Amino acid sequence: MFTTATGRGIQPRNVNRWWDKVCEDAGVHRTRVHDLRHTSATLLFRAGVDLNEIRALLRHTRIATTADIYIDVLEDVRRGTAASMDGILARILRRNQATGILI
């Protein structure tokens, strides 16, 4: 729990009001403070952090919860993996055609 300078709990509406002003001043589309949590987790996942570590950070009880939330990111990673494999195979094929060696 976060507190004010006088030790009282900060009300969520005050945090939201402050955050809305930050977004407005920055000239960005209004987002929710909670969206920062999602963004952080997404960036961690894209950086290669293990999904179970992210689950623990987010304090999800079940890894399935984390996976369900980030399934779109998982799909992007899978597409990226497939594209990487396509590139690898294309290079091998070009090299094989140039050398006459088949695999």
PDB file of N, CA and C in Angstrom:
ATOM      1  N   MET A   1       0.841  -1.172   0.000  1.00  0.00           N
ATOM      2  CA  MET A   1       0.000   0.000   0.000  1.00  0.00           C
ATOM      3  C   MET A   1       0.890   1.240   0.000  1.00  0.00           C
ATOM      4  N   PHE A   2       0.525   2.200  -0.799  1.00  0.00           N
ATOM      5  CA  PHE A   2       1.235   3.468  -0.842  1.00  0.00           C
ATOM      6  C   PHE A   2       0.472   4.472   0.006  1.00  0.00           C
ATOM      7  N   THR A   3       1.216   5.405   0.590  1.00  0.00           N
ATOM      8  CA  THR A   3       0.576   6.397   1.452  1.00  0.00           C
ATOM      9  C   THR A   3       0.929   7.801   1.003  1.00  0.00           C
ATOM     10  N   THR A   4       0.134   8.736   1.490  1.00  0.00           N
ATOM     11  CA  THR A   4       0.405  10.150   1.251  1.00  0.00           C
ATOM     12  C   THR A   4       1.477  10.606   2.234  1.00  0.00           C
ATOM     13  N   ALA A   5       1.881  11.865   2.130  1.00  0.00           N
ATOM     14  CA  ALA A   5       2.873  12.422   3.051  1.00  0.00           C
ATOM     15  C   ALA A   5       2.375  12.397   4.489  1.00  0.00           C
ATOM     16  N   THR A   6       1.059  12.383   4.672  1.00  0.00           N
ATOM     17  CA  THR A   6       0.494  12.355   6.026  1.00  0.00           C
ATOM     18  C   THR A   6       0.251  10.935   6.523  1.00  0.00           C
ATOM     19  N   GLY A   7       0.620   9.929   5.710  1.00  0.00           N
ATOM     20  CA  GLY A   7       0.481   8.547   6.138  1.00  0.00           C
ATOM     21  C   GLY A   7      -0.851   7.901   5.808  1.00  0.00           C
ATOM     22  N   ARG A   8      -1.727   8.616   5.151  1.00  0.00           N
ATOM     23  CA  ARG A   8      -3.025   8.036   4.781  1.00  0.00           C
ATOM     24  C   ARG A   8      -2.897   7.288   3.462  1.00  0.00           C
ATOM     25  N   GLY A   9      -3.731   6.282   3.292  1.00  0.00           N
ATOM     26  CA  GLY A   9      -3.712   5.505   2.061  1.00  0.00           C
ATOM     27  C   GLY A   9      -4.074   6.346   0.851  1.00  0.00           C
ATOM     28  N   ILE A  10      -3.412   6.082  -0.251  1.00  0.00           N
ATOM     29  CA  ILE A  10      -3.711   6.797  -1.490  1.00  0.00           C
ATOM     30  C   ILE A  10      -4.940   6.162  -2.126  1.00  0.00           C
ATOM     31  N   GLN A  11      -5.884   6.973  -2.489  1.00  0.00           N
ATOM     32  CA  GLN A  11      -7.109   6.502  -3.117  1.00  0.00           C
ATOM     33  C   GLN A  11      -6.847   6.206  -4.598  1.00  0.00           C
ATOM     34  N   PRO A  12      -7.341   5.079  -5.095  1.00  0.00           N
ATOM     35  CA  PRO A  12      -7.126   4.740  -6.513  1.00  0.00           C
ATOM     36  C   PRO A  12      -7.561   5.845  -7.466  1.00  0.00           C
ATOM     37  N   ARG A  13      -8.654   6.520  -7.171  1.00  0.00           N
ATOM     38  CA  ARG A  13      -9.118   7.574  -8.087  1.00  0.00           C
ATOM     39  C   ARG A  13      -8.100   8.710  -8.181  1.00  0.00           C
ATOM     40  N   ASN A  14      -7.353   8.962  -7.091  1.00  0.00           N
ATOM     41  CA  ASN A  14      -6.331  10.007  -7.132  1.00  0.00           C
ATOM     42  C   ASN A  14      -5.144   9.575  -7.986  1.00  0.00           C
ATOM     43  N   VAL A  15      -4.779   8.311  -7.897  1.00  0.00           N
ATOM     44  CA  VAL A  15      -3.707   7.788  -8.746  1.00  0.00           C
ATOM     45  C   VAL A  15      -4.137   7.873 -10.208  1.00  0.00           C
ATOM     46  N   ASN A  16      -5.377   7.479 -10.483  1.00  0.00           N
ATOM     47  CA  ASN A  16      -5.886   7.529 -11.858  1.00  0.00           C
ATOM     48  C   ASN A  16      -5.926   8.957 -12.377  1.00  0.00           C
ATOM     49  N   ARG A  17      -6.338   9.877 -11.539  1.00  0.00           N
ATOM     50  CA  ARG A  17      -6.386  11.287 -11.938  1.00  0.00           C
ATOM     51  C   ARG A  17      -4.972  11.774 -12.280  1.00  0.00           C
ATOM     52  N   TRP A  18      -4.000  11.430 -11.429  1.00  0.00           N
ATOM     53  CA  TRP A  18      -2.613  11.811 -11.669  1.00  0.00           C
ATOM     54  C   TRP A  18      -2.114  11.181 -12.972  1.00  0.00           C
ATOM     55  N   TRP A  19      -2.389   9.887 -13.164  1.00  0.00           N
ATOM     56  CA  TRP A  19      -1.922   9.176 -14.354  1.00  0.00           C
ATOM     57  C   TRP A  19      -2.545   9.762 -15.621  1.00  0.00           C
ATOM     58  N   ASP A  20      -3.828  10.103 -15.581  1.00  0.00           N
ATOM     59  CA  ASP A  20      -4.488  10.715 -16.733  1.00  0.00           C
ATOM     60  C   ASP A  20      -3.773  12.003 -17.124  1.00  0.00           C
ATOM     61  N   LYS A  21      -3.354  12.779 -16.138  1.00  0.00           N
ATOM     62  CA  LYS A  21      -2.648  14.033 -16.393  1.00  0.00           C
ATOM     63  C   LYS A  21      -1.273  13.748 -17.006  1.00  0.00           C
ATOM     64  N   VAL A  22      -0.592  12.728 -16.507  1.00  0.00           N
ATOM     65  CA  VAL A  22       0.712  12.349 -17.069  1.00  0.00           C
ATOM     66  C   VAL A  22       0.557  12.002 -18.548  1.00  0.00           C
ATOM     67  N   CYS A  23      -0.461  11.197 -18.869  1.00  0.00           N
ATOM     68  CA  CYS A  23      -0.706  10.808 -20.267  1.00  0.00           C
ATOM     69  C   CYS A  23      -1.022  12.027 -21.126  1.00  0.00           C
ATOM     70  N   GLU A  24      -1.868  12.898 -20.597  1.00  0.00           N
ATOM     71  CA  GLU A  24      -2.246  14.102 -21.340  1.00  0.00           C
ATOM     72  C   GLU A  24      -1.021  14.976 -21.595  1.00  0.00           C
ATOM     73  N   ASP A  25      -0.225  15.215 -20.560  1.00  0.00           N
ATOM     74  CA  ASP A  25       0.971  16.054 -20.705  1.00  0.00           C
ATOM     75  C   ASP A  25       1.972  15.454 -21.689  1.00  0.00           C
ATOM     76  N   ALA A  26       2.031  14.132 -21.736  1.00  0.00           N
ATOM     77  CA  ALA A  26       2.964  13.454 -22.644  1.00  0.00           C
ATOM     78  C   ALA A  26       2.413  13.366 -24.063  1.00  0.00           C
ATOM     79  N   GLY A  27       1.127  13.697 -24.222  1.00  0.00           N
ATOM     80  CA  GLY A  27       0.519  13.631 -25.544  1.00  0.00           C
ATOM     81  C   GLY A  27       0.272  12.219 -26.023  1.00  0.00           C
ATOM     82  N   VAL A  28       0.071  11.300 -25.083  1.00  0.00           N
ATOM     83  CA  VAL A  28      -0.200   9.914 -25.448  1.00  0.00           C
ATOM     84  C   VAL A  28      -1.638   9.555 -25.105  1.00  0.00           C
ATOM     85  N   HIS A  29      -2.125   8.538 -25.803  1.00  0.00           N
ATOM     86  CA  HIS A  29      -3.476   8.046 -25.572  1.00  0.00           C
ATOM     87  C   HIS A  29      -3.618   7.608 -24.122  1.00  0.00           C
ATOM     88  N   ARG A  30      -4.727   7.919 -23.520  1.00  0.00           N
ATOM     89  CA  ARG A  30      -4.958   7.545 -22.124  1.00  0.00           C
ATOM     90  C   ARG A  30      -4.917   6.032 -21.968  1.00  0.00           C
ATOM     91  N   THR A  31      -4.169   5.593 -20.998  1.00  0.00           N
ATOM     92  CA  THR A  31      -4.106   4.181 -20.653  1.00  0.00           C
ATOM     93  C   THR A  31      -4.415   4.045 -19.173  1.00  0.00           C
ATOM     94  N   ARG A  32      -4.626   2.817 -18.753  1.00  0.00           N
ATOM     95  CA  ARG A  32      -4.839   2.581 -17.325  1.00  0.00           C
ATOM     96  C   ARG A  32      -3.492   2.302 -16.671  1.00  0.00           C
ATOM     97  N   VAL A  33      -3.381   2.623 -15.403  1.00  0.00           N
ATOM     98  CA  VAL A  33      -2.154   2.307 -14.674  1.00  0.00           C
ATOM     99  C   VAL A  33      -1.890   0.804 -14.769  1.00  0.00           C
ATOM    100  N   HIS A  34      -2.941   0.014 -14.726  1.00  0.00           N
ATOM    101  CA  HIS A  34      -2.801  -1.441 -14.802  1.00  0.00           C
ATOM    102  C   HIS A  34      -2.168  -1.876 -16.128  1.00  0.00           C
ATOM    103  N   ASP A  35      -2.342  -1.071 -17.172  1.00  0.00           N
ATOM    104  CA  ASP A  35      -1.731  -1.399 -18.463  1.00  0.00           C
ATOM    105  C   ASP A  35      -0.205  -1.429 -18.370  1.00  0.00           C
ATOM    106  N   LEU A  36       0.359  -0.672 -17.433  1.00  0.00           N
ATOM    107  CA  LEU A  36       1.813  -0.685 -17.248  1.00  0.00           C
ATOM    108  C   LEU A  36       2.290  -2.063 -16.812  1.00  0.00           C
ATOM    109  N   ARG A  37       1.481  -2.730 -16.017  1.00  0.00           N
ATOM    110  CA  ARG A  37       1.798  -4.089 -15.558  1.00  0.00           C
ATOM    111  C   ARG A  37       1.868  -5.035 -16.758  1.00  0.00           C
ATOM    112  N   HIS A  38       0.876  -4.921 -17.625  1.00  0.00           N
ATOM    113  CA  HIS A  38       0.825  -5.767 -18.816  1.00  0.00           C
ATOM    114  C   HIS A  38       2.012  -5.468 -19.736  1.00  0.00           C
ATOM    115  N   THR A  39       2.295  -4.186 -19.915  1.00  0.00           N
ATOM    116  CA  THR A  39       3.412  -3.793 -20.772  1.00  0.00           C
ATOM    117  C   THR A  39       4.733  -4.317 -20.223  1.00  0.00           C
ATOM    118  N   SER A  40       4.934  -4.178 -18.925  1.00  0.00           N
ATOM    119  CA  SER A  40       6.169  -4.669 -18.305  1.00  0.00           C
ATOM    120  C   SER A  40       6.329  -6.166 -18.517  1.00  0.00           C
ATOM    121  N   ALA A  41       5.268  -6.901 -18.275  1.00  0.00           N
ATOM    122  CA  ALA A  41       5.326  -8.357 -18.434  1.00  0.00           C
ATOM    123  C   ALA A  41       5.576  -8.737 -19.893  1.00  0.00           C
ATOM    124  N   THR A  42       4.945  -8.028 -20.808  1.00  0.00           N
ATOM    125  CA  THR A  42       5.133  -8.299 -22.232  1.00  0.00           C
ATOM    126  C   THR A  42       6.584  -8.052 -22.640  1.00  0.00           C
ATOM    127  N   LEU A  43       7.151  -6.936 -22.187  1.00  0.00           N
ATOM    128  CA  LEU A  43       8.540  -6.629 -22.518  1.00  0.00           C
ATOM    129  C   LEU A  43       9.492  -7.662 -21.926  1.00  0.00           C
ATOM    130  N   LEU A  44       9.205  -8.098 -20.708  1.00  0.00           N
ATOM    131  CA  LEU A  44      10.032  -9.146 -20.096  1.00  0.00           C
ATOM    132  C   LEU A  44       9.965 -10.429 -20.911  1.00  0.00           C
ATOM    133  N   PHE A  45       8.753 -10.804 -21.313  1.00  0.00           N
ATOM    134  CA  PHE A  45       8.586 -12.034 -22.082  1.00  0.00           C
ATOM    135  C   PHE A  45       9.311 -11.938 -23.415  1.00  0.00           C
ATOM    136  N   ARG A  46       9.151 -10.820 -24.102  1.00  0.00           N
ATOM    137  CA  ARG A  46       9.818 -10.638 -25.392  1.00  0.00           C
ATOM    138  C   ARG A  46      11.337 -10.622 -25.249  1.00  0.00           C
ATOM    139  N   ALA A  47      11.814 -10.230 -24.055  1.00  0.00           N
ATOM    140  CA  ALA A  47      13.257 -10.217 -23.798  1.00  0.00           C
ATOM    141  C   ALA A  47      13.787 -11.598 -23.434  1.00  0.00           C
ATOM    142  N   GLY A  48      12.885 -12.587 -23.380  1.00  0.00           N
ATOM    143  CA  GLY A  48      13.318 -13.950 -23.127  1.00  0.00           C
ATOM    144  C   GLY A  48      13.206 -14.414 -21.688  1.00  0.00           C
ATOM    145  N   VAL A  49      12.590 -13.604 -20.828  1.00  0.00           N
ATOM    146  CA  VAL A  49      12.406 -14.023 -19.439  1.00  0.00           C
ATOM    147  C   VAL A  49      11.401 -15.170 -19.411  1.00  0.00           C
ATOM    148  N   ASP A  50      11.712 -16.193 -18.636  1.00  0.00           N
ATOM    149  CA  ASP A  50      10.875 -17.380 -18.524  1.00  0.00           C
ATOM    150  C   ASP A  50       9.468 -17.013 -18.053  1.00  0.00           C
ATOM    151  N   LEU A  51       8.472 -17.630 -18.677  1.00  0.00           N
ATOM    152  CA  LEU A  51       7.078 -17.340 -18.350  1.00  0.00           C
ATOM    153  C   LEU A  51       6.776 -17.604 -16.875  1.00  0.00           C
ATOM    154  N   ASN A  52       7.397 -18.607 -16.296  1.00  0.00           N
ATOM    155  CA  ASN A  52       7.161 -18.893 -14.879  1.00  0.00           C
ATOM    156  C   ASN A  52       7.706 -17.782 -13.983  1.00  0.00           C
ATOM    157  N   GLU A  53       8.811 -17.169 -14.379  1.00  0.00           N
ATOM    158  CA  GLU A  53       9.349 -16.030 -13.624  1.00  0.00           C
ATOM    159  C   GLU A  53       8.392 -14.845 -13.698  1.00  0.00           C
ATOM    160  N   ILE A  54       7.834 -14.629 -14.868  1.00  0.00           N
ATOM    161  CA  ILE A  54       6.870 -13.540 -15.030  1.00  0.00           C
ATOM    162  C   ILE A  54       5.625 -13.829 -14.204  1.00  0.00           C
ATOM    163  N   ARG A  55       5.197 -15.085 -14.207  1.00  0.00           N
ATOM    164  CA  ARG A  55       4.048 -15.490 -13.388  1.00  0.00           C
ATOM    165  C   ARG A  55       4.282 -15.128 -11.925  1.00  0.00           C
ATOM    166  N   ALA A  56       5.471 -15.437 -11.424  1.00  0.00           N
ATOM    167  CA  ALA A  56       5.795 -15.141 -10.030  1.00  0.00           C
ATOM    168  C   ALA A  56       5.812 -13.636  -9.777  1.00  0.00           C
ATOM    169  N   LEU A  57       6.384 -12.884 -10.707  1.00  0.00           N
ATOM    170  CA  LEU A  57       6.439 -11.431 -10.568  1.00  0.00           C
ATOM    171  C   LEU A  57       5.039 -10.825 -10.511  1.00  0.00           C
ATOM    172  N   LEU A  58       4.151 -11.332 -11.360  1.00  0.00           N
ATOM    173  CA  LEU A  58       2.776 -10.828 -11.404  1.00  0.00           C
ATOM    174  C   LEU A  58       1.917 -11.385 -10.274  1.00  0.00           C
ATOM    175  N   ARG A  59       2.463 -12.366  -9.566  1.00  0.00           N
ATOM    176  CA  ARG A  59       1.779 -13.025  -8.459  1.00  0.00           C
ATOM    177  C   ARG A  59       0.544 -13.785  -8.917  1.00  0.00           C
ATOM    178  N   HIS A  60       0.640 -14.344 -10.125  1.00  0.00           N
ATOM    179  CA  HIS A  60      -0.408 -15.246 -10.592  1.00  0.00           C
ATOM    180  C   HIS A  60      -0.189 -16.586  -9.908  1.00  0.00           C
ATOM    181  N   THR A  61      -1.256 -17.210  -9.451  1.00  0.00           N
ATOM    182  CA  THR A  61      -1.150 -18.512  -8.806  1.00  0.00           C
ATOM    183  C   THR A  61      -0.817 -19.590  -9.823  1.00  0.00           C
ATOM    184  N   ARG A  62      -1.473 -19.510 -10.981  1.00  0.00           N
ATOM    185  CA  ARG A  62      -1.302 -20.546 -12.001  1.00  0.00           C
ATOM    186  C   ARG A  62      -0.605 -19.970 -13.227  1.00  0.00           C
ATOM    187  N   ILE A  63       0.325 -20.724 -13.768  1.00  0.00           N
ATOM    188  CA  ILE A  63       1.015 -20.274 -14.977  1.00  0.00           C
ATOM    189  C   ILE A  63       0.036 -20.162 -16.142  1.00  0.00           C
ATOM    190  N   ALA A  64      -1.045 -20.945 -16.101  1.00  0.00           N
ATOM    191  CA  ALA A  64      -2.056 -20.878 -17.166  1.00  0.00           C
ATOM    192  C   ALA A  64      -2.669 -19.485 -17.241  1.00  0.00           C
ATOM    193  N   THR A  65      -2.823 -18.831 -16.104  1.00  0.00           N
ATOM    194  CA  THR A  65      -3.366 -17.466 -16.096  1.00  0.00           C
ATOM    195  C   THR A  65      -2.441 -16.546 -16.868  1.00  0.00           C
ATOM    196  N   THR A  66      -1.164 -16.633 -16.583  1.00  0.00           N
ATOM    197  CA  THR A  66      -0.179 -15.796 -17.271  1.00  0.00           C
ATOM    198  C   THR A  66      -0.158 -16.114 -18.761  1.00  0.00           C
ATOM    199  N   ALA A  67      -0.146 -17.390 -19.093  1.00  0.00           N
ATOM    200  CA  ALA A  67      -0.110 -17.802 -20.499  1.00  0.00           C
ATOM    201  C   ALA A  67      -1.355 -17.332 -21.237  1.00  0.00           C
ATOM    202  N   ASP A  68      -2.521 -17.430 -20.593  1.00  0.00           N
ATOM    203  CA  ASP A  68      -3.766 -16.989 -21.237  1.00  0.00           C
ATOM    204  C   ASP A  68      -3.730 -15.500 -21.544  1.00  0.00           C
ATOM    205  N   ILE A  69      -3.194 -14.718 -20.618  1.00  0.00           N
ATOM    206  CA  ILE A  69      -3.141 -13.267 -20.809  1.00  0.00           C
ATOM    207  C   ILE A  69      -2.173 -12.904 -21.929  1.00  0.00           C
ATOM    208  N   TYR A  70      -1.063 -13.637 -22.017  1.00  0.00           N
ATOM    209  CA  TYR A  70      -0.021 -13.288 -22.967  1.00  0.00           C
ATOM    210  C   TYR A  70      -0.001 -14.193 -24.185  1.00  0.00           C
ATOM    211  N   ILE A  71      -1.113 -14.882 -24.454  1.00  0.00           N
ATOM    212  CA  ILE A  71      -1.156 -15.819 -25.578  1.00  0.00           C
ATOM    213  C   ILE A  71      -0.889 -15.107 -26.900  1.00  0.00           C
ATOM    214  N   ASP A  72      -1.325 -13.849 -27.025  1.00  0.00           N
ATOM    215  CA  ASP A  72      -1.052 -13.103 -28.256  1.00  0.00           C
ATOM    216  C   ASP A  72       0.446 -12.895 -28.422  1.00  0.00           C
ATOM    217  N   VAL A  73       1.140 -12.646 -27.324  1.00  0.00           N
ATOM    218  CA  VAL A  73       2.587 -12.490 -27.378  1.00  0.00           C
ATOM    219  C   VAL A  73       3.236 -13.826 -27.728  1.00  0.00           C
ATOM    220  N   LEU A  74       2.725 -14.900 -27.127  1.00  0.00           N
ATOM    221  CA  LEU A  74       3.249 -16.231 -27.434  1.00  0.00           C
ATOM    222  C   LEU A  74       3.108 -16.531 -28.922  1.00  0.00           C
ATOM    223  N   GLU A  75       1.970 -16.166 -29.498  1.00  0.00           N
ATOM    224  CA  GLU A  75       1.751 -16.402 -30.930  1.00  0.00           C
ATOM    225  C   GLU A  75       2.736 -15.593 -31.764  1.00  0.00           C
ATOM    226  N   ASP A  76       2.998 -14.347 -31.369  1.00  0.00           N
ATOM    227  CA  ASP A  76       3.981 -13.529 -32.083  1.00  0.00           C
ATOM    228  C   ASP A  76       5.361 -14.174 -32.033  1.00  0.00           C
ATOM    229  N   VAL A  77       5.715 -14.699 -30.865  1.00  0.00           N
ATOM    230  CA  VAL A  77       7.015 -15.361 -30.714  1.00  0.00           C
ATOM    231  C   VAL A  77       7.076 -16.589 -31.603  1.00  0.00           C
ATOM    232  N   ARG A  78       5.990 -17.346 -31.644  1.00  0.00           N
ATOM    233  CA  ARG A  78       5.963 -18.543 -32.502  1.00  0.00           C
ATOM    234  C   ARG A  78       6.122 -18.160 -33.970  1.00  0.00           C
ATOM    235  N   ARG A  79       5.430 -17.093 -34.381  1.00  0.00           N
ATOM    236  CA  ARG A  79       5.562 -16.647 -35.770  1.00  0.00           C
ATOM    237  C   ARG A  79       7.001 -16.213 -36.046  1.00  0.00           C
ATOM    238  N   GLY A  80       7.605 -15.524 -35.085  1.00  0.00           N
ATOM    239  CA  GLY A  80       8.998 -15.102 -35.233  1.00  0.00           C
ATOM    240  C   GLY A  80       9.935 -16.286 -35.325  1.00  0.00           C
ATOM    241  N   THR A  81       9.659 -17.316 -34.535  1.00  0.00           N
ATOM    242  CA  THR A  81      10.468 -18.537 -34.572  1.00  0.00           C
ATOM    243  C   THR A  81      10.348 -19.209 -35.930  1.00  0.00           C
ATOM    244  N   ALA A  82       9.128 -19.288 -36.439  1.00  0.00           N
ATOM    245  CA  ALA A  82       8.912 -19.898 -37.758  1.00  0.00           C
ATOM    246  C   ALA A  82       9.628 -19.091 -38.842  1.00  0.00           C
ATOM    247  N   ALA A  83       9.567 -17.771 -38.751  1.00  0.00           N
ATOM    248  CA  ALA A  83      10.236 -16.926 -39.739  1.00  0.00           C
ATOM    249  C   ALA A  83      11.755 -17.113 -39.658  1.00  0.00           C
ATOM    250  N   SER A  84      12.275 -17.251 -38.447  1.00  0.00           N
ATOM    251  CA  SER A  84      13.713 -17.492 -38.284  1.00  0.00           C
ATOM    252  C   SER A  84      14.118 -18.806 -38.929  1.00  0.00           C
ATOM    253  N   MET A  85      13.314 -19.834 -38.724  1.00  0.00           N
ATOM    254  CA  MET A  85      13.610 -21.144 -39.314  1.00  0.00           C
ATOM    255  C   MET A  85      13.549 -21.056 -40.834  1.00  0.00           C
ATOM    256  N   ASP A  86      12.578 -20.321 -41.367  1.00  0.00           N
ATOM    257  CA  ASP A  86      12.502 -20.128 -42.817  1.00  0.00           C
ATOM    258  C   ASP A  86      13.797 -19.515 -43.341  1.00  0.00           C
ATOM    259  N   GLY A  87      14.295 -18.503 -42.623  1.00  0.00           N
ATOM    260  CA  GLY A  87      15.534 -17.850 -43.034  1.00  0.00           C
ATOM    261  C   GLY A  87      16.725 -18.786 -42.993  1.00  0.00           C
ATOM    262  N   ILE A  88      16.803 -19.587 -41.944  1.00  0.00           N
ATOM    263  CA  ILE A  88      17.903 -20.553 -41.810  1.00  0.00           C
ATOM    264  C   ILE A  88      17.868 -21.558 -42.952  1.00  0.00           C
ATOM    265  N   LEU A  89      16.685 -22.109 -43.199  1.00  0.00           N
ATOM    266  CA  LEU A  89      16.555 -23.106 -44.266  1.00  0.00           C
ATOM    267  C   LEU A  89      16.836 -22.506 -45.637  1.00  0.00           C
ATOM    268  N   ALA A  90      16.436 -21.264 -45.854  1.00  0.00           N
ATOM    269  CA  ALA A  90      16.698 -20.606 -47.137  1.00  0.00           C
ATOM    270  C   ALA A  90      18.200 -20.429 -47.347  1.00  0.00           C
ATOM    271  N   ARG A  91      18.933 -20.055 -46.292  1.00  0.00           N
ATOM    272  CA  ARG A  91      20.391 -19.903 -46.408  1.00  0.00           C
ATOM    273  C   ARG A  91      21.057 -21.246 -46.705  1.00  0.00           C
ATOM    274  N   ILE A  92      20.598 -22.290 -46.028  1.00  0.00           N
ATOM    275  CA  ILE A  92      21.158 -23.629 -46.278  1.00  0.00           C
ATOM    276  C   ILE A  92      20.901 -24.043 -47.721  1.00  0.00           C
ATOM    277  N   LEU A  93      19.687 -23.805 -48.199  1.00  0.00           N
ATOM    278  CA  LEU A  93      19.337 -24.168 -49.571  1.00  0.00           C
ATOM    279  C   LEU A  93      20.201 -23.404 -50.572  1.00  0.00           C
ATOM    280  N   ARG A  94      20.387 -22.106 -50.361  1.00  0.00           N
ATOM    281  CA  ARG A  94      21.231 -21.309 -51.265  1.00  0.00           C
ATOM    282  C   ARG A  94      22.667 -21.832 -51.264  1.00  0.00           C
ATOM    283  N   ARG A  95      23.187 -22.141 -50.069  1.00  0.00           N
ATOM    284  CA  ARG A  95      24.553 -22.657 -49.968  1.00  0.00           C
ATOM    285  C   ARG A  95      24.663 -24.007 -50.672  1.00  0.00           C
ATOM    286  N   ASN A  96      23.661 -24.852 -50.472  1.00  0.00           N
ATOM    287  CA  ASN A  96      23.682 -26.172 -51.115  1.00  0.00           C
ATOM    288  C   ASN A  96      23.608 -26.047 -52.632  1.00  0.00           C
ATOM    289  N   GLN A  97      22.804 -25.123 -53.121  1.00  0.00           N
ATOM    290  CA  GLN A  97      22.698 -24.929 -54.566  1.00  0.00           C
ATOM    291  C   GLN A  97      24.013 -24.407 -55.129  1.00  0.00           C
ATOM    292  N   ALA A  98      24.684 -23.547 -54.366  1.00  0.00           N
ATOM    293  CA  ALA A  98      25.953 -22.979 -54.829  1.00  0.00           C
ATOM    294  C   ALA A  98      27.064 -24.022 -54.835  1.00  0.00           C
ATOM    295  N   THR A  99      27.035 -24.942 -53.884  1.00  0.00           N
ATOM    296  CA  THR A  99      28.110 -25.941 -53.770  1.00  0.00           C
ATOM    297  C   THR A  99      27.756 -27.260 -54.433  1.00  0.00           C
ATOM    298  N   GLY A 100      26.479 -27.459 -54.740  1.00  0.00           N
ATOM    299  CA  GLY A 100      26.041 -28.716 -55.330  1.00  0.00           C
ATOM    300  C   GLY A 100      25.850 -29.824 -54.309  1.00  0.00           C
ATOM    301  N   ILE A 101      26.014 -29.500 -53.037  1.00  0.00           N
ATOM    302  CA  ILE A 101      25.832 -30.493 -51.976  1.00  0.00           C
ATOM    303  C   ILE A 101      24.373 -30.465 -51.536  1.00  0.00           C
ATOM    304  N   LEU A 102      23.789 -31.643 -51.454  1.00  0.00           N
ATOM    305  CA  LEU A 102      22.400 -31.734 -51.015  1.00  0.00           C
ATOM    306  C   LEU A 102      22.337 -32.344 -49.626  1.00  0.00           C
ATOM    307  N   ILE A 103      21.404 -31.865 -48.846  1.00  0.00           N
ATOM    308  CA  ILE A 103      21.182 -32.496 -47.536  1.00  0.00           C
ATOM    309  C   ILE A 103      19.775 -33.019 -47.463  1.00  0.00           C
TER     310      ILE A 103
END
